[in-house]
Amino acid sequence: KGESKDEEEEKYNLKQRYVPPNYASIILSLKFFLNLLLIVLGHGFHRIKKIIIKKERHTVALQVMNELVKASPYKFSERETTDIHFDPRITGEAQGVEAETDTKRGCSNKEGTVTVAPVESFLKEYRIIGSVDSKSSKYSVKMAFEKNVILKQKETETPFLIAAKMGITEMVESILDKFPVSIQDLDADGKNVLLLAVENRQTHTFQFLINRETPLHESIFRKWDHQGNNALHLAAKYGEYRPWLIPGSALQMQWELKWYKFVKRSISKHLPIHYKYNKKNQTSKQIFTETHKLLVKDGSAWLTKTSESCSLVAALIATVAFATSATIPGGVKETSGTPVLEDEPAFSVFCIASLIALCFSVTALVFFLAILTSRFEEKDFAYTLPWRLIIGLTALFTSITAILVSFCAGHFFELKDRLKFAALPIYIVTCLPVSFFALAQLPLYFDLLRAIIKDIPQRSYKEFTQ
């Protein structure tokens, strides 16, 4: 029995890996060097301490949650009952009316009474027309008022729905294991746990629900809210909730497209043809186009502005690199026409760096121009435009590095006799500002790369921790 549990844990760990097991040593080494770099820059200790505190809080919160779920009665019978129960907290002027009316009807109710003020508020809210002067009418109004209280209690969100809405997968799993009937919970808008997870872009919760060992019933996938929207309609709707903390509107649009396609692949087989339209006779594709118009516009403007700036820098580097590649340090031999310094290692570095700078700057310029001439359609934000952007930025950063190496190698010929071994440290110190700038831009670059490579968008928790 213990071996089977270990095997299950091993299979689960294998599923959670994003890379093959033999890559683990490389990734661990990279993390180690990154931690050393953070410590050297003065950010490592604070960040590591913050991570430790966060893990401790998460562990304690998980333990508390499990105990609360065990102790919670989670009474579904109260939410499912249709009997009217009077609120014992309501007392006041209608007590005599209730007692007298109950006596005439041959029944006795001592569970609670209702005041005039809540009844009048109830009448105004629901605009009930008619006279309530008679005691019998007042009793009827009181019954309707108490029933409305019960109905409003039904519409409140349960802890299970709140956990799904906030993306707390551990709580969703724990409650579902202890109370399987919670899968039928609905909020005030008629949305179940699956609809709330899709609407709020809770990737991990949605994956947990669709990949459970005990598959969900078809009715859970085919559920729609009061507006007739199913899970695909809600995935297509761009609301106020922003879980994708990705720089740039273009990448926000890319992750919206990936989320919509992922949900469509996951639940399309569960939705019949007649589930294609909601009550407004809209398809999910129409909702996606309508709600993402502003995001497409902002993404197009962001890409255009970024490409214009980067293409200007790439053009300047290409001009300088072309002039540098045509210049031979030290001149050429009159007899053979070969470079005088061809046997020097620095000369080879100079030539190779100049060629790399020229080629990559021209490559960057071409890709940025391709972005500027794009039609910026919805489908272009999925792969075409992001790949052009990442290739253009990679080529631009490479050309900047190569042109700096080329300048240092060309300058070395004039200082090698005077400074000798001191020249290399001087060049390193000179390049430090550029290096710090590159390090500062690495998180942005990695975010771009992660957004492009991952098929399933991953939500960010930064907005809850800041």
Protein backbone atom coordinates (compact mmCIF):
# COMPACT_ATOMS: atom_id res chain seq x y z
CA LYS A 1 0.00 0.00 0.00
CA GLY A 2 2.88 2.36 0.83
CA GLU A 3 4.62 1.54 -2.45
CA SER A 4 1.51 2.38 -4.47
CA LYS A 5 1.31 5.75 -2.70
CA ASP A 6 4.96 6.45 -3.51
CA GLU A 7 4.38 5.50 -7.12
CA GLU A 8 1.41 7.87 -7.31
CA GLU A 9 3.48 10.70 -5.83
CA GLU A 10 6.28 10.01 -8.31
CA LYS A 11 3.83 10.09 -11.24
CA TYR A 12 2.37 13.33 -9.94
CA ASN A 13 5.83 14.89 -9.63
CA LEU A 14 6.68 13.81 -13.17
CA LYS A 15 3.52 15.50 -14.44
CA GLN A 16 4.47 18.73 -12.66
CA ARG A 17 7.86 18.91 -14.35
CA TYR A 18 8.20 21.31 -17.23
CA VAL A 19 11.53 19.82 -18.37
CA PRO A 20 12.93 16.26 -18.56
CA PRO A 21 14.47 14.88 -15.33
CA ASN A 22 18.04 14.95 -16.71
CA TYR A 23 17.78 18.73 -17.08
CA ALA A 24 17.37 19.17 -13.33
CA SER A 25 21.11 19.51 -12.64
CA ILE A 26 21.45 22.29 -15.23
CA ILE A 27 18.48 24.20 -13.84
CA LEU A 28 19.71 23.83 -10.25
CA SER A 29 23.15 25.08 -11.25
CA LEU A 30 21.58 28.06 -13.00
CA LYS A 31 19.47 28.85 -9.92
CA PHE A 32 22.58 28.62 -7.73
CA PHE A 33 24.51 31.13 -9.86
CA LEU A 34 21.50 33.44 -10.00
CA ASN A 35 21.25 33.37 -6.20
CA LEU A 36 24.96 34.21 -5.97
CA LEU A 37 24.43 37.11 -8.36
CA LEU A 38 21.52 38.40 -6.29
CA ILE A 39 23.61 38.20 -3.13
CA VAL A 40 26.45 40.12 -4.79
CA LEU A 41 24.01 42.81 -5.92
CA GLY A 42 22.56 43.06 -2.41
CA HIS A 43 19.12 41.62 -3.17
CA GLY A 44 19.65 37.94 -2.41
CA PHE A 45 19.30 37.79 1.38
CA HIS A 46 16.13 39.88 1.45
CA ARG A 47 14.51 37.86 -1.34
CA ILE A 48 15.44 34.47 0.14
CA LYS A 49 14.15 35.52 3.57
CA LYS A 50 10.91 36.73 2.02
CA ILE A 51 10.45 33.39 0.23
CA ILE A 52 11.05 31.46 3.47
CA ILE A 53 8.46 33.55 5.34
CA LYS A 54 5.96 33.11 2.52
CA LYS A 55 6.43 29.31 2.53
CA GLU A 56 5.95 29.16 6.30
CA ARG A 57 2.74 31.17 6.07
CA HIS A 58 1.48 28.98 3.26
CA THR A 59 2.17 25.80 5.26
CA VAL A 60 0.41 27.13 8.35
CA ALA A 61 -2.52 28.42 6.31
CA LEU A 62 -2.90 25.01 4.66
CA GLN A 63 -2.99 23.27 8.05
CA VAL A 64 -5.56 25.72 9.40
CA MET A 65 -7.68 25.32 6.28
CA ASN A 66 -7.73 21.52 6.59
CA GLU A 67 -8.82 21.75 10.23
CA LEU A 68 -11.55 24.26 9.39
CA VAL A 69 -12.88 22.05 6.60
CA LYS A 70 -13.00 19.08 8.97
CA ALA A 71 -14.84 21.10 11.63
CA SER A 72 -17.23 22.85 9.23
CA PRO A 73 -20.76 21.37 9.11
CA TYR A 74 -21.33 22.71 5.58
CA LYS A 75 -25.08 22.02 5.88
CA PHE A 76 -26.49 21.60 2.43
CA SER A 77 -29.91 20.68 3.82
CA GLU A 78 -30.47 24.27 4.95
CA ARG A 79 -29.79 25.65 1.49
CA GLU A 80 -31.96 23.07 -0.23
CA THR A 81 -35.03 23.38 2.00
CA THR A 82 -38.06 25.29 0.79
CA ASP A 83 -39.74 25.63 4.20
CA ILE A 84 -40.11 29.11 5.64
CA HIS A 85 -38.23 29.75 8.91
CA PHE A 86 -38.82 33.01 10.71
CA ASP A 87 -35.82 34.95 11.91
CA PRO A 88 -35.92 35.09 15.75
CA ARG A 89 -33.84 38.28 15.70
CA ILE A 90 -36.72 40.27 14.12
CA THR A 91 -38.99 41.76 16.79
CA GLY A 92 -41.27 44.74 17.03
CA GLU A 93 -44.65 46.15 16.25
CA ALA A 94 -45.96 43.29 14.14
CA GLN A 95 -45.84 40.78 17.01
CA GLY A 96 -49.47 41.32 17.92
CA VAL A 97 -50.56 41.05 14.32
CA GLU A 98 -48.73 37.76 13.95
CA ALA A 99 -50.11 36.23 17.14
CA GLU A 100 -53.67 37.24 16.43
CA THR A 101 -53.54 36.09 12.83
CA ASP A 102 -52.00 32.76 13.81
CA THR A 103 -54.80 32.24 16.35
CA LYS A 104 -57.46 32.84 13.73
CA ARG A 105 -55.75 30.44 11.37
CA GLY A 106 -55.64 27.78 14.09
CA CYS A 107 -51.87 27.66 14.35
CA SER A 108 -49.29 28.98 16.76
CA ASN A 109 -45.88 30.36 15.77
CA LYS A 110 -43.45 31.48 18.46
CA GLU A 111 -40.27 31.29 16.44
CA GLY A 112 -40.04 34.97 15.54
CA THR A 113 -41.68 38.21 14.52
CA VAL A 114 -41.13 40.90 11.95
CA THR A 115 -40.99 44.68 12.29
CA VAL A 116 -42.83 47.20 10.16
CA ALA A 117 -39.69 48.93 8.85
CA PRO A 118 -38.19 45.88 7.07
CA VAL A 119 -41.59 45.07 5.58
CA GLU A 120 -42.00 48.60 4.25
CA SER A 121 -38.48 48.42 2.80
CA PHE A 122 -39.39 45.11 1.22
CA LEU A 123 -42.53 46.62 -0.31
CA LYS A 124 -40.59 49.55 -1.76
CA GLU A 125 -37.88 47.27 -3.15
CA TYR A 126 -40.27 44.95 -4.94
CA ARG A 127 -42.99 47.57 -5.62
CA ILE A 128 -45.88 45.48 -4.31
CA ILE A 129 -49.10 47.30 -5.19
CA GLY A 130 -52.11 47.00 -2.92
CA SER A 131 -53.34 47.82 0.50
CA VAL A 132 -51.79 46.15 3.51
CA ASP A 133 -54.05 47.69 6.08
CA SER A 134 -55.74 44.46 7.03
CA LYS A 135 -54.09 42.12 9.49
CA SER A 136 -54.38 39.21 7.07
CA SER A 137 -52.56 41.17 4.35
CA LYS A 138 -49.83 42.12 6.80
CA TYR A 139 -49.34 38.47 7.65
CA SER A 140 -49.04 37.61 3.94
CA VAL A 141 -46.48 40.36 3.46
CA LYS A 142 -44.55 39.05 6.43
CA MET A 143 -44.48 35.57 4.90
CA ALA A 144 -43.23 36.97 1.59
CA PHE A 145 -40.60 39.02 3.39
CA GLU A 146 -39.30 36.02 5.33
CA LYS A 147 -39.21 33.92 2.16
CA ASN A 148 -37.19 36.65 0.44
CA VAL A 149 -34.65 36.49 3.28
CA ILE A 150 -34.25 32.76 2.69
CA LEU A 151 -33.87 33.25 -1.06
CA LYS A 152 -31.17 35.85 -0.54
CA GLN A 153 -29.37 33.43 1.76
CA LYS A 154 -29.40 30.89 -1.07
CA GLU A 155 -27.73 33.37 -3.40
CA THR A 156 -24.73 34.00 -1.15
CA GLU A 157 -21.44 32.51 -2.29
CA THR A 158 -20.28 29.45 -0.42
CA PRO A 159 -16.65 29.01 0.72
CA PHE A 160 -16.26 26.48 -2.09
CA LEU A 161 -17.22 29.04 -4.75
CA ILE A 162 -15.09 31.77 -3.19
CA ALA A 163 -12.07 29.45 -3.18
CA ALA A 164 -12.60 28.67 -6.87
CA LYS A 165 -13.04 32.36 -7.65
CA MET A 166 -9.80 33.29 -5.87
CA GLY A 167 -7.85 30.35 -7.28
CA ILE A 168 -7.21 28.51 -3.99
CA THR A 169 -6.96 25.05 -5.49
CA GLU A 170 -6.03 23.38 -2.19
CA MET A 171 -9.27 24.54 -0.57
CA VAL A 172 -11.33 23.52 -3.60
CA GLU A 173 -9.81 20.04 -3.48
CA SER A 174 -10.24 19.69 0.27
CA ILE A 175 -13.89 20.78 0.31
CA LEU A 176 -14.73 18.66 -2.73
CA ASP A 177 -13.19 15.56 -1.13
CA LYS A 178 -15.11 16.01 2.12
CA PHE A 179 -18.36 17.36 0.64
CA PRO A 180 -18.80 16.06 -2.95
CA VAL A 181 -22.25 17.67 -3.14
CA SER A 182 -20.55 21.10 -3.08
CA ILE A 183 -19.94 20.69 -6.82
CA GLN A 184 -23.61 21.69 -7.27
CA ASP A 185 -23.16 25.08 -5.55
CA LEU A 186 -24.27 28.16 -7.51
CA ASP A 187 -23.76 31.85 -6.89
CA ALA A 188 -26.28 34.67 -7.37
CA ASP A 189 -25.65 34.70 -11.13
CA GLY A 190 -26.17 30.96 -11.50
CA LYS A 191 -22.48 30.16 -11.99
CA ASN A 192 -20.97 26.94 -10.69
CA VAL A 193 -17.38 26.27 -9.70
CA LEU A 194 -16.23 25.60 -13.26
CA LEU A 195 -17.74 28.82 -14.62
CA LEU A 196 -16.19 30.90 -11.83
CA ALA A 197 -12.75 29.36 -12.38
CA VAL A 198 -12.95 30.09 -16.11
CA GLU A 199 -14.33 33.60 -15.68
CA ASN A 200 -11.60 34.60 -13.21
CA ARG A 201 -8.82 32.96 -15.25
CA GLN A 202 -7.86 30.55 -12.45
CA THR A 203 -5.66 28.23 -14.49
CA HIS A 204 -4.63 25.80 -11.75
CA THR A 205 -8.17 25.44 -10.41
CA PHE A 206 -9.57 24.83 -13.89
CA GLN A 207 -6.89 22.23 -14.65
CA PHE A 208 -7.62 20.48 -11.35
CA LEU A 209 -11.33 20.28 -12.14
CA ILE A 210 -10.94 18.89 -15.66
CA ASN A 211 -8.09 16.48 -14.79
CA ARG A 212 -9.57 14.88 -11.67
CA GLU A 213 -9.29 11.12 -11.28
CA THR A 214 -13.06 11.06 -10.82
CA PRO A 215 -14.31 12.96 -13.89
CA LEU A 216 -16.95 15.64 -13.42
CA HIS A 217 -20.47 14.95 -14.60
CA GLU A 218 -21.46 16.30 -18.00
CA SER A 219 -23.99 18.62 -16.37
CA ILE A 220 -21.15 20.58 -14.73
CA PHE A 221 -19.61 21.35 -18.12
CA ARG A 222 -22.98 22.16 -19.70
CA LYS A 223 -24.04 24.60 -16.99
CA TRP A 224 -24.81 28.18 -18.02
CA ASP A 225 -25.48 31.30 -15.96
CA HIS A 226 -28.59 33.48 -15.92
CA GLN A 227 -27.43 35.22 -19.11
CA GLY A 228 -27.07 31.92 -20.96
CA ASN A 229 -23.26 32.04 -20.97
CA ASN A 230 -21.40 28.75 -20.76
CA ALA A 231 -17.72 28.30 -19.87
CA LEU A 232 -16.56 29.16 -23.38
CA HIS A 233 -18.50 32.44 -23.38
CA LEU A 234 -16.94 33.42 -20.04
CA ALA A 235 -13.46 32.49 -21.26
CA ALA A 236 -13.97 34.79 -24.24
CA LYS A 237 -15.18 37.70 -22.12
CA TYR A 238 -12.52 40.23 -21.15
CA GLY A 239 -13.62 41.59 -17.77
CA GLU A 240 -12.15 43.76 -15.07
CA TYR A 241 -10.16 40.92 -13.53
CA ARG A 242 -6.51 40.98 -14.68
CA PRO A 243 -4.58 37.89 -13.53
CA TRP A 244 -2.01 38.09 -16.36
CA LEU A 245 0.64 40.47 -15.01
CA ILE A 246 2.55 40.51 -18.30
CA PRO A 247 4.25 43.67 -19.61
CA GLY A 248 2.58 45.19 -22.62
CA SER A 249 -0.95 45.01 -23.96
CA ALA A 250 0.22 42.83 -26.87
CA LEU A 251 1.29 40.01 -24.56
CA GLN A 252 -1.87 40.46 -22.50
CA MET A 253 -3.78 39.84 -25.72
CA GLN A 254 -1.63 36.82 -26.49
CA TRP A 255 -2.39 35.23 -23.13
CA GLU A 256 -6.10 35.98 -23.55
CA LEU A 257 -6.00 34.11 -26.87
CA LYS A 258 -4.13 31.19 -25.30
CA TRP A 259 -6.60 31.01 -22.42
CA TYR A 260 -9.59 31.03 -24.78
CA LYS A 261 -8.08 28.31 -26.98
CA PHE A 262 -7.11 26.20 -23.95
CA VAL A 263 -10.64 26.32 -22.50
CA LYS A 264 -12.08 25.59 -25.94
CA ARG A 265 -9.87 22.50 -26.34
CA SER A 266 -10.78 21.30 -22.86
CA ILE A 267 -14.57 21.57 -22.89
CA SER A 268 -15.67 21.65 -26.54
CA LYS A 269 -16.33 17.90 -26.53
CA HIS A 270 -18.73 18.37 -23.60
CA LEU A 271 -20.82 21.15 -25.21
CA PRO A 272 -23.60 20.30 -27.71
CA ILE A 273 -24.15 22.39 -30.82
CA HIS A 274 -27.13 24.31 -29.39
CA TYR A 275 -24.90 25.59 -26.54
CA LYS A 276 -23.12 27.82 -29.04
CA TYR A 277 -25.30 30.88 -28.41
CA ASN A 278 -26.22 32.71 -25.21
CA LYS A 279 -29.47 34.59 -24.51
CA LYS A 280 -28.21 37.58 -26.51
CA ASN A 281 -27.70 35.24 -29.48
CA GLN A 282 -23.92 35.73 -29.30
CA THR A 283 -21.24 33.13 -29.90
CA SER A 284 -18.06 32.97 -27.87
CA LYS A 285 -16.07 34.23 -30.86
CA GLN A 286 -18.30 37.29 -31.17
CA ILE A 287 -17.93 38.01 -27.45
CA PHE A 288 -14.15 37.68 -27.70
CA THR A 289 -13.96 40.11 -30.63
CA GLU A 290 -16.29 42.63 -29.01
CA THR A 291 -14.70 42.69 -25.55
CA HIS A 292 -11.09 42.69 -26.80
CA LYS A 293 -11.34 45.60 -29.24
CA LEU A 294 -9.67 48.05 -26.87
CA LEU A 295 -6.96 45.55 -25.92
CA VAL A 296 -6.15 44.93 -29.60
CA LYS A 297 -5.93 48.68 -30.15
CA ASP A 298 -3.65 49.18 -27.14
CA GLY A 299 -1.52 46.19 -28.13
CA SER A 300 -1.10 47.51 -31.65
CA ALA A 301 -0.07 50.93 -30.33
CA TRP A 302 2.39 49.36 -27.85
CA LEU A 303 3.99 47.18 -30.51
CA THR A 304 4.21 50.08 -32.97
CA LYS A 305 5.86 52.37 -30.43
CA THR A 306 8.30 49.67 -29.27
CA SER A 307 9.20 48.66 -32.82
CA GLU A 308 9.80 52.25 -33.91
CA SER A 309 12.19 52.89 -31.01
CA CYS A 310 14.04 49.60 -31.42
CA SER A 311 14.28 49.90 -35.21
CA LEU A 312 15.92 53.33 -34.81
CA VAL A 313 18.56 51.86 -32.48
CA ALA A 314 19.07 48.87 -34.79
CA ALA A 315 19.56 51.19 -37.79
CA LEU A 316 22.21 53.22 -35.92
CA ILE A 317 24.07 50.06 -34.87
CA ALA A 318 23.91 48.69 -38.42
CA THR A 319 25.40 51.93 -39.77
CA VAL A 320 28.24 51.94 -37.25
CA ALA A 321 28.87 48.20 -37.66
CA PHE A 322 29.07 48.54 -41.43
CA ALA A 323 31.60 51.37 -41.14
CA THR A 324 33.59 49.42 -38.55
CA SER A 325 33.68 46.22 -40.59
CA ALA A 326 35.09 48.13 -43.56
CA THR A 327 37.89 49.63 -41.43
CA ILE A 328 41.01 47.52 -40.83
CA PRO A 329 42.98 48.44 -37.68
CA GLY A 330 46.68 48.96 -38.44
CA GLY A 331 46.13 49.06 -42.18
CA VAL A 332 47.30 46.51 -44.77
CA LYS A 333 50.67 45.39 -46.08
CA GLU A 334 51.67 47.15 -49.28
CA THR A 335 53.17 44.04 -50.82
CA SER A 336 50.43 41.48 -50.16
CA GLY A 337 47.42 43.61 -49.15
CA THR A 338 46.81 41.50 -46.06
CA PRO A 339 46.12 43.13 -42.66
CA VAL A 340 49.21 44.06 -40.69
CA LEU A 341 47.69 42.76 -37.42
CA GLU A 342 46.17 39.58 -38.81
CA ASP A 343 48.17 37.40 -36.41
CA GLU A 344 46.91 39.27 -33.32
CA PRO A 345 44.10 37.57 -31.33
CA ALA A 346 42.43 40.95 -30.78
CA PHE A 347 42.18 41.44 -34.54
CA SER A 348 40.20 38.21 -34.93
CA VAL A 349 37.91 39.30 -32.08
CA PHE A 350 37.43 42.68 -33.77
CA CYS A 351 36.51 41.16 -37.14
CA ILE A 352 34.13 38.55 -35.75
CA ALA A 353 32.40 41.02 -33.39
CA SER A 354 31.94 43.58 -36.18
CA LEU A 355 30.40 40.96 -38.45
CA ILE A 356 28.05 39.73 -35.71
CA ALA A 357 26.98 43.29 -34.90
CA LEU A 358 26.23 44.03 -38.54
CA CYS A 359 24.29 40.82 -39.20
CA PHE A 360 22.21 40.90 -36.02
CA SER A 361 21.42 44.62 -36.26
CA VAL A 362 20.12 44.14 -39.80
CA THR A 363 18.12 41.11 -38.61
CA ALA A 364 16.58 43.15 -35.80
CA LEU A 365 15.75 45.95 -38.22
CA VAL A 366 13.98 43.52 -40.58
CA PHE A 367 11.85 41.98 -37.82
CA PHE A 368 10.84 45.34 -36.34
CA LEU A 369 9.87 46.57 -39.80
CA ALA A 370 7.81 43.39 -40.21
CA ILE A 371 5.92 44.30 -37.03
CA LEU A 372 5.32 47.86 -38.24
CA THR A 373 3.86 46.61 -41.53
CA SER A 374 1.59 44.03 -39.88
CA ARG A 375 -2.23 44.34 -40.07
CA PHE A 376 -2.57 43.67 -36.29
CA GLU A 377 -5.41 41.18 -36.51
CA GLU A 378 -6.51 39.14 -33.49
CA LYS A 379 -4.87 35.94 -34.69
CA ASP A 380 -1.54 37.76 -35.23
CA PHE A 381 -1.21 38.32 -31.47
CA ALA A 382 -1.15 34.58 -30.80
CA TYR A 383 2.25 33.70 -32.28
CA THR A 384 3.28 35.87 -35.25
CA LEU A 385 3.74 39.25 -33.56
CA PRO A 386 5.21 37.97 -30.24
CA TRP A 387 7.77 35.82 -32.07
CA ARG A 388 8.79 38.75 -34.26
CA LEU A 389 9.18 40.88 -31.15
CA ILE A 390 11.29 38.36 -29.22
CA ILE A 391 13.54 37.63 -32.22
CA GLY A 392 13.97 41.34 -32.88
CA LEU A 393 14.87 42.08 -29.25
CA THR A 394 17.27 39.13 -29.10
CA ALA A 395 19.03 40.28 -32.27
CA LEU A 396 19.15 43.86 -31.00
CA PHE A 397 20.71 42.92 -27.64
CA THR A 398 23.21 40.66 -29.41
CA SER A 399 24.22 43.44 -31.81
CA ILE A 400 24.70 45.91 -28.93
CA THR A 401 26.96 43.44 -27.13
CA ALA A 402 28.90 42.67 -30.31
CA ILE A 403 29.50 46.33 -31.17
CA LEU A 404 30.85 46.98 -27.67
CA VAL A 405 33.23 44.02 -27.98
CA SER A 406 34.30 45.29 -31.39
CA PHE A 407 35.11 48.76 -30.04
CA CYS A 408 37.06 47.32 -27.10
CA ALA A 409 39.06 45.04 -29.40
CA GLY A 410 39.87 47.90 -31.79
CA HIS A 411 40.85 50.20 -28.95
CA PHE A 412 43.06 47.53 -27.43
CA PHE A 413 45.67 47.94 -30.19
CA GLU A 414 46.45 51.48 -28.99
CA LEU A 415 46.62 50.66 -25.27
CA LYS A 416 48.23 47.22 -25.20
CA ASP A 417 51.79 48.57 -25.05
CA ARG A 418 51.00 51.16 -22.36
CA LEU A 419 48.56 49.33 -20.09
CA LYS A 420 49.26 45.70 -21.03
CA PHE A 421 47.34 43.56 -18.52
CA ALA A 422 45.52 46.55 -17.01
CA ALA A 423 43.53 47.10 -20.22
CA LEU A 424 41.14 44.21 -19.62
CA PRO A 425 39.93 45.42 -16.17
CA ILE A 426 39.43 48.91 -17.61
CA TYR A 427 37.20 47.55 -20.37
CA ILE A 428 35.24 45.49 -17.87
CA VAL A 429 34.61 48.52 -15.65
CA THR A 430 33.63 50.57 -18.71
CA CYS A 431 31.03 47.99 -19.70
CA LEU A 432 29.51 47.74 -16.19
CA PRO A 433 26.75 50.36 -16.77
CA VAL A 434 25.61 48.50 -19.87
CA SER A 435 25.77 45.21 -17.95
CA PHE A 436 23.61 46.57 -15.12
CA PHE A 437 21.10 47.85 -17.65
CA ALA A 438 21.01 44.42 -19.31
CA LEU A 439 20.50 42.71 -15.93
CA ALA A 440 17.66 45.10 -15.15
CA GLN A 441 15.98 44.18 -18.45
CA LEU A 442 16.39 40.42 -17.98
CA PRO A 443 13.12 39.97 -16.00
CA LEU A 444 11.20 41.72 -18.77
CA TYR A 445 12.93 39.61 -21.40
CA PHE A 446 12.22 36.38 -19.51
CA ASP A 447 8.57 37.40 -19.11
CA LEU A 448 8.34 37.86 -22.85
CA LEU A 449 10.00 34.50 -23.47
CA ARG A 450 7.81 32.72 -20.93
CA ALA A 451 4.63 34.20 -22.38
CA ILE A 452 5.58 33.04 -25.86
CA ILE A 453 6.80 29.52 -25.03
CA LYS A 454 4.07 28.41 -22.59
CA ASP A 455 0.93 27.00 -24.17
CA ILE A 456 -1.16 27.45 -21.03
CA PRO A 457 -1.06 30.94 -19.47
CA GLN A 458 -0.09 31.06 -15.82
CA ARG A 459 -1.76 33.59 -13.55
CA SER A 460 0.29 35.82 -11.28
CA TYR A 461 -0.18 36.17 -7.51
CA LYS A 462 1.72 39.47 -7.24
CA GLU A 463 -1.46 41.53 -7.07
CA PHE A 464 -2.44 39.75 -3.83
CA THR A 465 0.97 40.13 -2.17
CA GLN A 466 1.73 43.74 -2.98
